[in-house]
């Protein structure tokens, strides 16, 4: 099964050669989708993969788009202090 064209374009935009990712998010995304980087490359090229892989990638892409890293207590304190100073 091939990845739907709109999802394939999203992957190419996020992780393609011209993206600004520089490889940082690729490994995170591959872990989310439980795929290898070679499988990610095959998906971006539009090659055939298992249906279960396509389902995992679509789900992982949604999680990846909505991901926000957790802030530490120090980051929260500094953000609050900065907001107080700017107010």
C-alpha atoms as a PDB file:
ATOM      1  CA  UNK A   1       0.000   0.000   0.000  1.00  0.00           C
ATOM      2  CA  UNK A   2       1.219   3.515  -0.758  1.00  0.00           C
ATOM      3  CA  UNK A   3       0.942   6.509   1.498  1.00  0.00           C
ATOM      4  CA  UNK A   4      -1.832   8.944   0.484  1.00  0.00           C
ATOM      5  CA  UNK A   5      -0.412  11.809  -1.608  1.00  0.00           C
ATOM      6  CA  UNK A   6      -1.280  14.564   0.910  1.00  0.00           C
ATOM      7  CA  UNK A   7       0.462  12.672   3.728  1.00  0.00           C
ATOM      8  CA  UNK A   8       3.472  11.953   1.499  1.00  0.00           C
ATOM      9  CA  UNK A   9       3.750  15.663   0.716  1.00  0.00           C
ATOM     10  CA  UNK A  10       3.599  16.489   4.439  1.00  0.00           C
ATOM     11  CA  UNK A  11       6.436  14.030   5.109  1.00  0.00           C
ATOM     12  CA  UNK A  12       8.519  15.488   2.299  1.00  0.00           C
ATOM     13  CA  UNK A  13       7.890  18.989   3.590  1.00  0.00           C
ATOM     14  CA  UNK A  14       8.828  18.056   7.186  1.00  0.00           C
ATOM     15  CA  UNK A  15      11.746  15.732   6.520  1.00  0.00           C
ATOM     16  CA  UNK A  16      12.793  16.338   2.904  1.00  0.00           C
ATOM     17  CA  UNK A  17      16.224  17.486   1.786  1.00  0.00           C
ATOM     18  CA  UNK A  18      15.154  21.136   1.811  1.00  0.00           C
ATOM     19  CA  UNK A  19      13.533  21.054   5.272  1.00  0.00           C
ATOM     20  CA  UNK A  20      15.053  22.902   8.205  1.00  0.00           C
ATOM     21  CA  UNK A  21      14.819  19.803  10.413  1.00  0.00           C
ATOM     22  CA  UNK A  22      18.525  18.881  10.114  1.00  0.00           C
ATOM     23  CA  UNK A  23      17.713  15.334  11.278  1.00  0.00           C
ATOM     24  CA  UNK A  24      16.630  16.287  14.793  1.00  0.00           C
ATOM     25  CA  UNK A  25      12.979  15.401  14.406  1.00  0.00           C
ATOM     26  CA  UNK A  26      13.448  12.481  12.035  1.00  0.00           C
ATOM     27  CA  UNK A  27      14.568  10.066  14.743  1.00  0.00           C
ATOM     28  CA  UNK A  28      11.806  11.248  17.076  1.00  0.00           C
ATOM     29  CA  UNK A  29       9.213  10.774  14.337  1.00  0.00           C
ATOM     30  CA  UNK A  30      10.554   7.329  13.441  1.00  0.00           C
ATOM     31  CA  UNK A  31      10.300   6.268  17.083  1.00  0.00           C
ATOM     32  CA  UNK A  32       6.718   7.582  17.247  1.00  0.00           C
ATOM     33  CA  UNK A  33       5.763   5.675  14.100  1.00  0.00           C
ATOM     34  CA  UNK A  34       7.874   2.631  15.054  1.00  0.00           C
ATOM     35  CA  UNK A  35       9.605   2.617  11.655  1.00  0.00           C
ATOM     36  CA  UNK A  36      13.193   2.802  10.463  1.00  0.00           C
ATOM     37  CA  UNK A  37      14.660   5.787   8.649  1.00  0.00           C
ATOM     38  CA  UNK A  38      14.923   3.547   5.566  1.00  0.00           C
ATOM     39  CA  UNK A  39      11.156   2.962   5.713  1.00  0.00           C
ATOM     40  CA  UNK A  40      10.623   6.714   6.066  1.00  0.00           C
ATOM     41  CA  UNK A  41      12.703   7.221   2.912  1.00  0.00           C
ATOM     42  CA  UNK A  42      10.631   4.596   1.060  1.00  0.00           C
ATOM     43  CA  UNK A  43       7.427   6.334   2.148  1.00  0.00           C
ATOM     44  CA  UNK A  44       8.693   9.718   0.992  1.00  0.00           C
ATOM     45  CA  UNK A  45       9.546   8.204  -2.419  1.00  0.00           C
ATOM     46  CA  UNK A  46       6.021   6.783  -2.759  1.00  0.00           C
ATOM     47  CA  UNK A  47       7.039   3.110  -2.657  1.00  0.00           C
ATOM     48  CA  UNK A  48       4.821   0.273  -1.450  1.00  0.00           C
ATOM     49  CA  UNK A  49       4.742  -0.585   2.283  1.00  0.00           C
ATOM     50  CA  UNK A  50       2.468  -2.601   4.556  1.00  0.00           C
ATOM     51  CA  UNK A  51      -0.947  -1.172   5.398  1.00  0.00           C
ATOM     52  CA  UNK A  52      -0.132  -1.280   9.128  1.00  0.00           C
ATOM     53  CA  UNK A  53       2.939   0.900   8.469  1.00  0.00           C
ATOM     54  CA  UNK A  54       0.818   3.479   6.677  1.00  0.00           C
ATOM     55  CA  UNK A  55      -1.622   3.551   9.604  1.00  0.00           C
ATOM     56  CA  UNK A  56       1.208   4.028  12.128  1.00  0.00           C
ATOM     57  CA  UNK A  57       2.762   6.818  10.047  1.00  0.00           C
ATOM     58  CA  UNK A  58      -0.537   8.688   9.686  1.00  0.00           C
ATOM     59  CA  UNK A  59      -1.132   8.445  13.461  1.00  0.00           C
ATOM     60  CA  UNK A  60       2.455   9.443  14.264  1.00  0.00           C
ATOM     61  CA  UNK A  61       2.291  12.446  11.937  1.00  0.00           C
ATOM     62  CA  UNK A  62      -0.785  13.707  13.789  1.00  0.00           C
ATOM     63  CA  UNK A  63       0.972  13.228  17.157  1.00  0.00           C
ATOM     64  CA  UNK A  64       4.144  14.875  15.808  1.00  0.00           C
ATOM     65  CA  UNK A  65       2.199  17.917  14.585  1.00  0.00           C
ATOM     66  CA  UNK A  66       0.565  18.343  18.012  1.00  0.00           C
ATOM     67  CA  UNK A  67       3.683  17.647  20.086  1.00  0.00           C
ATOM     68  CA  UNK A  68       4.870  20.260  22.550  1.00  0.00           C
ATOM     69  CA  UNK A  69       7.907  19.483  24.692  1.00  0.00           C
ATOM     70  CA  UNK A  70       7.270  19.573  28.426  1.00  0.00           C
ATOM     71  CA  UNK A  71       8.703  22.557  30.246  1.00  0.00           C
ATOM     72  CA  UNK A  72      10.866  22.164  33.316  1.00  0.00           C
ATOM     73  CA  UNK A  73      10.076  24.026  36.529  1.00  0.00           C
ATOM     74  CA  UNK A  74      12.966  26.388  35.801  1.00  0.00           C
ATOM     75  CA  UNK A  75      11.614  27.200  32.325  1.00  0.00           C
ATOM     76  CA  UNK A  76       8.184  27.905  33.803  1.00  0.00           C
ATOM     77  CA  UNK A  77       9.720  30.153  36.507  1.00  0.00           C
ATOM     78  CA  UNK A  78      11.798  32.074  33.924  1.00  0.00           C
ATOM     79  CA  UNK A  79       8.785  32.470  31.628  1.00  0.00           C
ATOM     80  CA  UNK A  80       6.671  33.792  34.502  1.00  0.00           C
ATOM     81  CA  UNK A  81       9.441  36.172  35.563  1.00  0.00           C
ATOM     82  CA  UNK A  82       9.811  37.461  31.997  1.00  0.00           C
ATOM     83  CA  UNK A  83       6.056  37.967  31.666  1.00  0.00           C
ATOM     84  CA  UNK A  84       6.042  39.890  34.965  1.00  0.00           C
ATOM     85  CA  UNK A  85       8.909  42.103  33.783  1.00  0.00           C
ATOM     86  CA  UNK A  86       7.158  42.821  30.479  1.00  0.00           C
ATOM     87  CA  UNK A  87       3.806  43.617  32.117  1.00  0.00           C
END
